[in-house]
Amino acid sequence: MFSIYEVLPEILELWGANLQTQVPSKKVTSTTREMPTALFLLRCTEIGISISELDLLTIGMVLDIWTEKSNDGVKYSKVAGQAEFDKF
């Protein structure tokens, strides 16, 4: 049996190697627009997040949820079924 302390350095080394990527960023320009508090709170109310729930979420999570909500109306020409997921 291995102790966690024996394999932890190797796990961390492998994990660190997996975090490094050579893929260039898709972002062409940086966004310089600021989001004022009022706009952020408006986004929260649009997706149904209360002030008390904000303690459990980061700003990034709220923005991700809001972005996904805006994508809800997108209609896809083909949706993957179970067979495609099995192949994946």
PDB file of N, CA and C in Angstrom:
ATOM      1  N   MET A   1       0.844  -1.186   0.000  1.00  0.00           N
ATOM      2  CA  MET A   1       0.000   0.000   0.000  1.00  0.00           C
ATOM      3  C   MET A   1       0.887   1.248   0.000  1.00  0.00           C
ATOM      4  N   PHE A   2       0.442   2.232  -0.742  1.00  0.00           N
ATOM      5  CA  PHE A   2       1.149   3.500  -0.798  1.00  0.00           C
ATOM      6  C   PHE A   2       0.476   4.493   0.128  1.00  0.00           C
ATOM      7  N   SER A   3       1.265   5.303   0.742  1.00  0.00           N
ATOM      8  CA  SER A   3       0.735   6.399   1.542  1.00  0.00           C
ATOM      9  C   SER A   3       0.448   7.564   0.599  1.00  0.00           C
ATOM     10  N   ILE A   4      -0.555   8.337   0.919  1.00  0.00           N
ATOM     11  CA  ILE A   4      -0.894   9.498   0.099  1.00  0.00           C
ATOM     12  C   ILE A   4       0.284  10.456   0.017  1.00  0.00           C
ATOM     13  N   TYR A   5       1.088  10.499   1.064  1.00  0.00           N
ATOM     14  CA  TYR A   5       2.239  11.399   1.083  1.00  0.00           C
ATOM     15  C   TYR A   5       3.343  10.928   0.138  1.00  0.00           C
ATOM     16  N   GLU A   6       3.346   9.660  -0.211  1.00  0.00           N
ATOM     17  CA  GLU A   6       4.339   9.135  -1.139  1.00  0.00           C
ATOM     18  C   GLU A   6       3.969   9.445  -2.592  1.00  0.00           C
ATOM     19  N   VAL A   7       2.688   9.405  -2.917  1.00  0.00           N
ATOM     20  CA  VAL A   7       2.269   9.600  -4.302  1.00  0.00           C
ATOM     21  C   VAL A   7       1.799  11.022  -4.593  1.00  0.00           C
ATOM     22  N   LEU A   8       1.546  11.803  -3.546  1.00  0.00           N
ATOM     23  CA  LEU A   8       1.036  13.148  -3.746  1.00  0.00           C
ATOM     24  C   LEU A   8       1.961  14.017  -4.598  1.00  0.00           C
ATOM     25  N   PRO A   9       3.281  14.028  -4.366  1.00  0.00           N
ATOM     26  CA  PRO A   9       4.138  14.862  -5.223  1.00  0.00           C
ATOM     27  C   PRO A   9       4.041  14.492  -6.699  1.00  0.00           C
ATOM     28  N   GLU A  10       3.957  13.208  -7.001  1.00  0.00           N
ATOM     29  CA  GLU A  10       3.845  12.782  -8.393  1.00  0.00           C
ATOM     30  C   GLU A  10       2.498  13.188  -8.976  1.00  0.00           C
ATOM     31  N   ILE A  11       1.438  13.057  -8.192  1.00  0.00           N
ATOM     32  CA  ILE A  11       0.108  13.464  -8.649  1.00  0.00           C
ATOM     33  C   ILE A  11       0.094  14.957  -8.947  1.00  0.00           C
ATOM     34  N   LEU A  12       0.669  15.747  -8.050  1.00  0.00           N
ATOM     35  CA  LEU A  12       0.693  17.185  -8.260  1.00  0.00           C
ATOM     36  C   LEU A  12       1.522  17.559  -9.481  1.00  0.00           C
ATOM     37  N   GLU A  13       2.617  16.853  -9.704  1.00  0.00           N
ATOM     38  CA  GLU A  13       3.448  17.120 -10.877  1.00  0.00           C
ATOM     39  C   GLU A  13       2.675  16.805 -12.158  1.00  0.00           C
ATOM     40  N   LEU A  14       1.988  15.669 -12.182  1.00  0.00           N
ATOM     41  CA  LEU A  14       1.205  15.305 -13.362  1.00  0.00           C
ATOM     42  C   LEU A  14       0.037  16.265 -13.568  1.00  0.00           C
ATOM     43  N   TRP A  15      -0.597  16.647 -12.493  1.00  0.00           N
ATOM     44  CA  TRP A  15      -1.720  17.564 -12.584  1.00  0.00           C
ATOM     45  C   TRP A  15      -1.252  18.910 -13.114  1.00  0.00           C
ATOM     46  N   GLY A  16      -0.110  19.376 -12.620  1.00  0.00           N
ATOM     47  CA  GLY A  16       0.440  20.639 -13.100  1.00  0.00           C
ATOM     48  C   GLY A  16       0.775  20.575 -14.572  1.00  0.00           C
ATOM     49  N   ALA A  17       1.265  19.439 -15.030  1.00  0.00           N
ATOM     50  CA  ALA A  17       1.583  19.281 -16.446  1.00  0.00           C
ATOM     51  C   ALA A  17       0.315  19.329 -17.289  1.00  0.00           C
ATOM     52  N   ASN A  18      -0.766  18.820 -16.758  1.00  0.00           N
ATOM     53  CA  ASN A  18      -2.022  18.834 -17.490  1.00  0.00           C
ATOM     54  C   ASN A  18      -2.645  20.225 -17.547  1.00  0.00           C
ATOM     55  N   LEU A  19      -2.300  21.065 -16.598  1.00  0.00           N
ATOM     56  CA  LEU A  19      -2.866  22.404 -16.581  1.00  0.00           C
ATOM     57  C   LEU A  19      -2.197  23.312 -17.610  1.00  0.00           C
ATOM     58  N   GLN A  20      -0.956  23.009 -17.960  1.00  0.00           N
ATOM     59  CA  GLN A  20      -0.249  23.823 -18.935  1.00  0.00           C
ATOM     60  C   GLN A  20      -0.709  23.442 -20.327  1.00  0.00           C
ATOM     61  N   THR A  21      -0.970  24.452 -21.134  1.00  0.00           N
ATOM     62  CA  THR A  21      -1.450  24.182 -22.478  1.00  0.00           C
ATOM     63  C   THR A  21      -0.752  25.090 -23.465  1.00  0.00           C
ATOM     64  N   GLN A  22      -0.618  24.631 -24.668  1.00  0.00           N
ATOM     65  CA  GLN A  22      -0.011  25.419 -25.728  1.00  0.00           C
ATOM     66  C   GLN A  22      -1.062  25.987 -26.675  1.00  0.00           C
ATOM     67  N   VAL A  23      -2.321  25.846 -26.305  1.00  0.00           N
ATOM     68  CA  VAL A  23      -3.412  26.316 -27.154  1.00  0.00           C
ATOM     69  C   VAL A  23      -3.516  27.825 -27.016  1.00  0.00           C
ATOM     70  N   PRO A  24      -3.474  28.548 -28.134  1.00  0.00           N
ATOM     71  CA  PRO A  24      -3.590  30.007 -28.048  1.00  0.00           C
ATOM     72  C   PRO A  24      -5.004  30.413 -27.660  1.00  0.00           C
ATOM     73  N   SER A  25      -5.107  31.552 -27.050  1.00  0.00           N
ATOM     74  CA  SER A  25      -6.403  32.065 -26.633  1.00  0.00           C
ATOM     75  C   SER A  25      -7.236  32.450 -27.846  1.00  0.00           C
ATOM     76  N   LYS A  26      -8.540  32.169 -27.780  1.00  0.00           N
ATOM     77  CA  LYS A  26      -9.446  32.553 -28.857  1.00  0.00           C
ATOM     78  C   LYS A  26      -9.789  34.042 -28.772  1.00  0.00           C
ATOM     79  N   LYS A  27      -9.513  34.616 -27.624  1.00  0.00           N
ATOM     80  CA  LYS A  27      -9.857  36.006 -27.400  1.00  0.00           C
ATOM     81  C   LYS A  27      -8.915  36.903 -28.197  1.00  0.00           C
ATOM     82  N   VAL A  28      -9.463  37.692 -29.102  1.00  0.00           N
ATOM     83  CA  VAL A  28      -8.646  38.535 -29.956  1.00  0.00           C
ATOM     84  C   VAL A  28      -8.308  39.846 -29.263  1.00  0.00           C
ATOM     85  N   THR A  29      -9.298  40.449 -28.646  1.00  0.00           N
ATOM     86  CA  THR A  29      -9.074  41.710 -27.945  1.00  0.00           C
ATOM     87  C   THR A  29      -9.581  41.582 -26.517  1.00  0.00           C
ATOM     88  N   SER A  30      -9.032  42.382 -25.657  1.00  0.00           N
ATOM     89  CA  SER A  30      -9.489  42.348 -24.271  1.00  0.00           C
ATOM     90  C   SER A  30     -10.736  43.209 -24.128  1.00  0.00           C
ATOM     91  N   THR A  31     -11.579  42.817 -23.203  1.00  0.00           N
ATOM     92  CA  THR A  31     -12.787  43.577 -22.925  1.00  0.00           C
ATOM     93  C   THR A  31     -12.465  44.605 -21.859  1.00  0.00           C
ATOM     94  N   THR A  32     -12.719  45.845 -22.155  1.00  0.00           N
ATOM     95  CA  THR A  32     -12.395  46.901 -21.205  1.00  0.00           C
ATOM     96  C   THR A  32     -13.645  47.493 -20.573  1.00  0.00           C
ATOM     97  N   ARG A  33     -14.810  46.959 -20.954  1.00  0.00           N
ATOM     98  CA  ARG A  33     -16.042  47.484 -20.368  1.00  0.00           C
ATOM     99  C   ARG A  33     -16.162  47.018 -18.926  1.00  0.00           C
ATOM    100  N   GLU A  34     -16.539  47.922 -18.069  1.00  0.00           N
ATOM    101  CA  GLU A  34     -16.770  47.567 -16.673  1.00  0.00           C
ATOM    102  C   GLU A  34     -18.253  47.296 -16.478  1.00  0.00           C
ATOM    103  N   MET A  35     -18.547  46.433 -15.508  1.00  0.00           N
ATOM    104  CA  MET A  35     -19.944  46.153 -15.190  1.00  0.00           C
ATOM    105  C   MET A  35     -20.247  46.790 -13.844  1.00  0.00           C
ATOM    106  N   PRO A  36     -21.056  47.833 -13.845  1.00  0.00           N
ATOM    107  CA  PRO A  36     -21.406  48.452 -12.561  1.00  0.00           C
ATOM    108  C   PRO A  36     -22.279  47.515 -11.728  1.00  0.00           C
ATOM    109  N   THR A  37     -22.327  47.781 -10.455  1.00  0.00           N
ATOM    110  CA  THR A  37     -23.079  46.941  -9.524  1.00  0.00           C
ATOM    111  C   THR A  37     -24.538  46.816  -9.929  1.00  0.00           C
ATOM    112  N   ALA A  38     -25.129  47.916 -10.358  1.00  0.00           N
ATOM    113  CA  ALA A  38     -26.553  47.885 -10.740  1.00  0.00           C
ATOM    114  C   ALA A  38     -26.781  46.927 -11.911  1.00  0.00           C
ATOM    115  N   LEU A  39     -25.894  46.934 -12.890  1.00  0.00           N
ATOM    116  CA  LEU A  39     -26.037  46.036 -14.031  1.00  0.00           C
ATOM    117  C   LEU A  39     -25.837  44.581 -13.607  1.00  0.00           C
ATOM    118  N   PHE A  40     -24.876  44.342 -12.730  1.00  0.00           N
ATOM    119  CA  PHE A  40     -24.655  42.987 -12.226  1.00  0.00           C
ATOM    120  C   PHE A  40     -25.893  42.481 -11.496  1.00  0.00           C
ATOM    121  N   LEU A  41     -26.482  43.311 -10.642  1.00  0.00           N
ATOM    122  CA  LEU A  41     -27.684  42.908  -9.911  1.00  0.00           C
ATOM    123  C   LEU A  41     -28.864  42.698 -10.865  1.00  0.00           C
ATOM    124  N   LEU A  42     -28.935  43.486 -11.940  1.00  0.00           N
ATOM    125  CA  LEU A  42     -29.970  43.274 -12.946  1.00  0.00           C
ATOM    126  C   LEU A  42     -29.790  41.909 -13.597  1.00  0.00           C
ATOM    127  N   ARG A  43     -28.564  41.551 -13.941  1.00  0.00           N
ATOM    128  CA  ARG A  43     -28.294  40.236 -14.529  1.00  0.00           C
ATOM    129  C   ARG A  43     -28.722  39.135 -13.562  1.00  0.00           C
ATOM    130  N   CYS A  44     -28.460  39.327 -12.272  1.00  0.00           N
ATOM    131  CA  CYS A  44     -28.846  38.329 -11.269  1.00  0.00           C
ATOM    132  C   CYS A  44     -30.361  38.156 -11.219  1.00  0.00           C
ATOM    133  N   THR A  45     -31.091  39.256 -11.241  1.00  0.00           N
ATOM    134  CA  THR A  45     -32.545  39.145 -11.185  1.00  0.00           C
ATOM    135  C   THR A  45     -33.096  38.535 -12.472  1.00  0.00           C
ATOM    136  N   GLU A  46     -32.440  38.767 -13.607  1.00  0.00           N
ATOM    137  CA  GLU A  46     -32.892  38.180 -14.871  1.00  0.00           C
ATOM    138  C   GLU A  46     -32.832  36.654 -14.843  1.00  0.00           C
ATOM    139  N   ILE A  47     -31.875  36.115 -14.094  1.00  0.00           N
ATOM    140  CA  ILE A  47     -31.762  34.649 -14.032  1.00  0.00           C
ATOM    141  C   ILE A  47     -32.300  34.082 -12.722  1.00  0.00           C
ATOM    142  N   GLY A  48     -32.886  34.941 -11.891  1.00  0.00           N
ATOM    143  CA  GLY A  48     -33.557  34.459 -10.688  1.00  0.00           C
ATOM    144  C   GLY A  48     -32.658  34.201  -9.497  1.00  0.00           C
ATOM    145  N   ILE A  49     -31.538  34.883  -9.422  1.00  0.00           N
ATOM    146  CA  ILE A  49     -30.625  34.714  -8.288  1.00  0.00           C
ATOM    147  C   ILE A  49     -30.911  35.808  -7.267  1.00  0.00           C
ATOM    148  N   SER A  50     -31.155  35.409  -6.028  1.00  0.00           N
ATOM    149  CA  SER A  50     -31.441  36.379  -4.968  1.00  0.00           C
ATOM    150  C   SER A  50     -30.130  36.872  -4.343  1.00  0.00           C
ATOM    151  N   ILE A  51     -30.236  37.939  -3.598  1.00  0.00           N
ATOM    152  CA  ILE A  51     -29.058  38.510  -2.929  1.00  0.00           C
ATOM    153  C   ILE A  51     -28.428  37.490  -1.985  1.00  0.00           C
ATOM    154  N   SER A  52     -29.248  36.726  -1.263  1.00  0.00           N
ATOM    155  CA  SER A  52     -28.697  35.745  -0.323  1.00  0.00           C
ATOM    156  C   SER A  52     -27.972  34.611  -1.050  1.00  0.00           C
ATOM    157  N   GLU A  53     -28.414  34.289  -2.261  1.00  0.00           N
ATOM    158  CA  GLU A  53     -27.759  33.232  -3.025  1.00  0.00           C
ATOM    159  C   GLU A  53     -26.405  33.678  -3.586  1.00  0.00           C
ATOM    160  N   LEU A  54     -26.187  34.978  -3.663  1.00  0.00           N
ATOM    161  CA  LEU A  54     -24.916  35.478  -4.192  1.00  0.00           C
ATOM    162  C   LEU A  54     -23.739  35.105  -3.302  1.00  0.00           C
ATOM    163  N   ASP A  55     -23.999  34.814  -2.025  1.00  0.00           N
ATOM    164  CA  ASP A  55     -22.926  34.367  -1.136  1.00  0.00           C
ATOM    165  C   ASP A  55     -22.349  33.033  -1.588  1.00  0.00           C
ATOM    166  N   LEU A  56     -23.124  32.258  -2.318  1.00  0.00           N
ATOM    167  CA  LEU A  56     -22.710  30.919  -2.740  1.00  0.00           C
ATOM    168  C   LEU A  56     -22.075  30.900  -4.123  1.00  0.00           C
ATOM    169  N   LEU A  57     -22.118  32.021  -4.855  1.00  0.00           N
ATOM    170  CA  LEU A  57     -21.667  32.063  -6.237  1.00  0.00           C
ATOM    171  C   LEU A  57     -20.567  33.106  -6.431  1.00  0.00           C
ATOM    172  N   THR A  58     -19.736  32.877  -7.423  1.00  0.00           N
ATOM    173  CA  THR A  58     -18.751  33.890  -7.804  1.00  0.00           C
ATOM    174  C   THR A  58     -19.340  34.738  -8.923  1.00  0.00           C
ATOM    175  N   ILE A  59     -18.710  35.858  -9.203  1.00  0.00           N
ATOM    176  CA  ILE A  59     -19.165  36.711 -10.298  1.00  0.00           C
ATOM    177  C   ILE A  59     -19.090  35.940 -11.618  1.00  0.00           C
ATOM    178  N   GLY A  60     -18.026  35.183 -11.791  1.00  0.00           N
ATOM    179  CA  GLY A  60     -17.869  34.393 -13.013  1.00  0.00           C
ATOM    180  C   GLY A  60     -18.978  33.374 -13.184  1.00  0.00           C
ATOM    181  N   MET A  61     -19.385  32.743 -12.090  1.00  0.00           N
ATOM    182  CA  MET A  61     -20.473  31.760 -12.172  1.00  0.00           C
ATOM    183  C   MET A  61     -21.775  32.439 -12.591  1.00  0.00           C
ATOM    184  N   VAL A  62     -22.045  33.610 -12.024  1.00  0.00           N
ATOM    185  CA  VAL A  62     -23.263  34.340 -12.376  1.00  0.00           C
ATOM    186  C   VAL A  62     -23.245  34.715 -13.854  1.00  0.00           C
ATOM    187  N   LEU A  63     -22.102  35.195 -14.340  1.00  0.00           N
ATOM    188  CA  LEU A  63     -22.009  35.577 -15.746  1.00  0.00           C
ATOM    189  C   LEU A  63     -22.131  34.362 -16.659  1.00  0.00           C
ATOM    190  N   ASP A  64     -21.585  33.226 -16.248  1.00  0.00           N
ATOM    191  CA  ASP A  64     -21.727  31.995 -17.038  1.00  0.00           C
ATOM    192  C   ASP A  64     -23.187  31.563 -17.119  1.00  0.00           C
ATOM    193  N   ILE A  65     -23.889  31.632 -15.989  1.00  0.00           N
ATOM    194  CA  ILE A  65     -25.305  31.262 -15.957  1.00  0.00           C
ATOM    195  C   ILE A  65     -26.106  32.201 -16.858  1.00  0.00           C
ATOM    196  N   TRP A  66     -25.807  33.493 -16.787  1.00  0.00           N
ATOM    197  CA  TRP A  66     -26.521  34.469 -17.601  1.00  0.00           C
ATOM    198  C   TRP A  66     -26.251  34.232 -19.091  1.00  0.00           C
ATOM    199  N   THR A  67     -25.005  33.907 -19.440  1.00  0.00           N
ATOM    200  CA  THR A  67     -24.660  33.619 -20.831  1.00  0.00           C
ATOM    201  C   THR A  67     -25.391  32.388 -21.328  1.00  0.00           C
ATOM    202  N   GLU A  68     -25.431  31.336 -20.512  1.00  0.00           N
ATOM    203  CA  GLU A  68     -26.142  30.118 -20.908  1.00  0.00           C
ATOM    204  C   GLU A  68     -27.634  30.389 -21.075  1.00  0.00           C
ATOM    205  N   LYS A  69     -28.190  31.246 -20.222  1.00  0.00           N
ATOM    206  CA  LYS A  69     -29.607  31.585 -20.355  1.00  0.00           C
ATOM    207  C   LYS A  69     -29.868  32.271 -21.687  1.00  0.00           C
ATOM    208  N   SER A  70     -28.950  33.127 -22.110  1.00  0.00           N
ATOM    209  CA  SER A  70     -29.141  33.814 -23.382  1.00  0.00           C
ATOM    210  C   SER A  70     -29.013  32.863 -24.566  1.00  0.00           C
ATOM    211  N   ASN A  71     -28.373  31.714 -24.363  1.00  0.00           N
ATOM    212  CA  ASN A  71     -28.239  30.709 -25.422  1.00  0.00           C
ATOM    213  C   ASN A  71     -29.409  29.729 -25.454  1.00  0.00           C
ATOM    214  N   ASP A  72     -30.352  29.851 -24.534  1.00  0.00           N
ATOM    215  CA  ASP A  72     -31.470  28.909 -24.464  1.00  0.00           C
ATOM    216  C   ASP A  72     -32.328  28.917 -25.721  1.00  0.00           C
ATOM    217  N   GLY A  73     -32.428  30.039 -26.402  1.00  0.00           N
ATOM    218  CA  GLY A  73     -33.274  30.140 -27.579  1.00  0.00           C
ATOM    219  C   GLY A  73     -32.646  29.596 -28.850  1.00  0.00           C
ATOM    220  N   VAL A  74     -31.392  29.161 -28.784  1.00  0.00           N
ATOM    221  CA  VAL A  74     -30.694  28.675 -29.973  1.00  0.00           C
ATOM    222  C   VAL A  74     -31.263  27.319 -30.374  1.00  0.00           C
ATOM    223  N   LYS A  75     -31.602  27.186 -31.644  1.00  0.00           N
ATOM    224  CA  LYS A  75     -32.112  25.915 -32.176  1.00  0.00           C
ATOM    225  C   LYS A  75     -30.998  25.255 -32.976  1.00  0.00           C
ATOM    226  N   TYR A  76     -30.672  24.028 -32.640  1.00  0.00           N
ATOM    227  CA  TYR A  76     -29.621  23.296 -33.322  1.00  0.00           C
ATOM    228  C   TYR A  76     -30.224  22.417 -34.408  1.00  0.00           C
ATOM    229  N   SER A  77     -29.525  22.314 -35.549  1.00  0.00           N
ATOM    230  CA  SER A  77     -30.031  21.496 -36.645  1.00  0.00           C
ATOM    231  C   SER A  77     -29.964  20.016 -36.300  1.00  0.00           C
ATOM    232  N   LYS A  78     -28.979  19.610 -35.508  1.00  0.00           N
ATOM    233  CA  LYS A  78     -28.872  18.220 -35.073  1.00  0.00           C
ATOM    234  C   LYS A  78     -28.416  18.187 -33.618  1.00  0.00           C
ATOM    235  N   VAL A  79     -29.091  17.401 -32.837  1.00  0.00           N
ATOM    236  CA  VAL A  79     -28.745  17.244 -31.428  1.00  0.00           C
ATOM    237  C   VAL A  79     -28.220  15.829 -31.228  1.00  0.00           C
ATOM    238  N   ALA A  80     -27.111  15.699 -30.512  1.00  0.00           N
ATOM    239  CA  ALA A  80     -26.508  14.388 -30.283  1.00  0.00           C
ATOM    240  C   ALA A  80     -27.433  13.516 -29.449  1.00  0.00           C
ATOM    241  N   GLY A  81     -27.499  12.257 -29.829  1.00  0.00           N
ATOM    242  CA  GLY A  81     -28.291  11.281 -29.094  1.00  0.00           C
ATOM    243  C   GLY A  81     -27.385  10.374 -28.279  1.00  0.00           C
ATOM    244  N   GLN A  82     -27.948   9.344 -27.681  1.00  0.00           N
ATOM    245  CA  GLN A  82     -27.183   8.434 -26.834  1.00  0.00           C
ATOM    246  C   GLN A  82     -26.098   7.715 -27.625  1.00  0.00           C
ATOM    247  N   ALA A  83     -26.378   7.368 -28.870  1.00  0.00           N
ATOM    248  CA  ALA A  83     -25.386   6.665 -29.689  1.00  0.00           C
ATOM    249  C   ALA A  83     -24.142   7.525 -29.905  1.00  0.00           C
ATOM    250  N   GLU A  84     -24.335   8.828 -30.152  1.00  0.00           N
ATOM    251  CA  GLU A  84     -23.182   9.713 -30.334  1.00  0.00           C
ATOM    252  C   GLU A  84     -22.385   9.861 -29.056  1.00  0.00           C
ATOM    253  N   PHE A  85     -23.082   9.942 -27.915  1.00  0.00           N
ATOM    254  CA  PHE A  85     -22.377  10.048 -26.640  1.00  0.00           C
ATOM    255  C   PHE A  85     -21.608   8.767 -26.346  1.00  0.00           C
ATOM    256  N   ASP A  86     -22.171   7.620 -26.697  1.00  0.00           N
ATOM    257  CA  ASP A  86     -21.471   6.351 -26.495  1.00  0.00           C
ATOM    258  C   ASP A  86     -20.204   6.283 -27.335  1.00  0.00           C
ATOM    259  N   LYS A  87     -20.276   6.780 -28.574  1.00  0.00           N
ATOM    260  CA  LYS A  87     -19.093   6.815 -29.436  1.00  0.00           C
ATOM    261  C   LYS A  87     -18.036   7.763 -28.887  1.00  0.00           C
ATOM    262  N   PHE A  88     -18.473   8.848 -28.276  1.00  0.00           N
ATOM    263  CA  PHE A  88     -17.552   9.823 -27.732  1.00  0.00           C
ATOM    264  C   PHE A  88     -16.758   9.235 -26.594  1.00  0.00           C
TER     265      PHE A  88
END
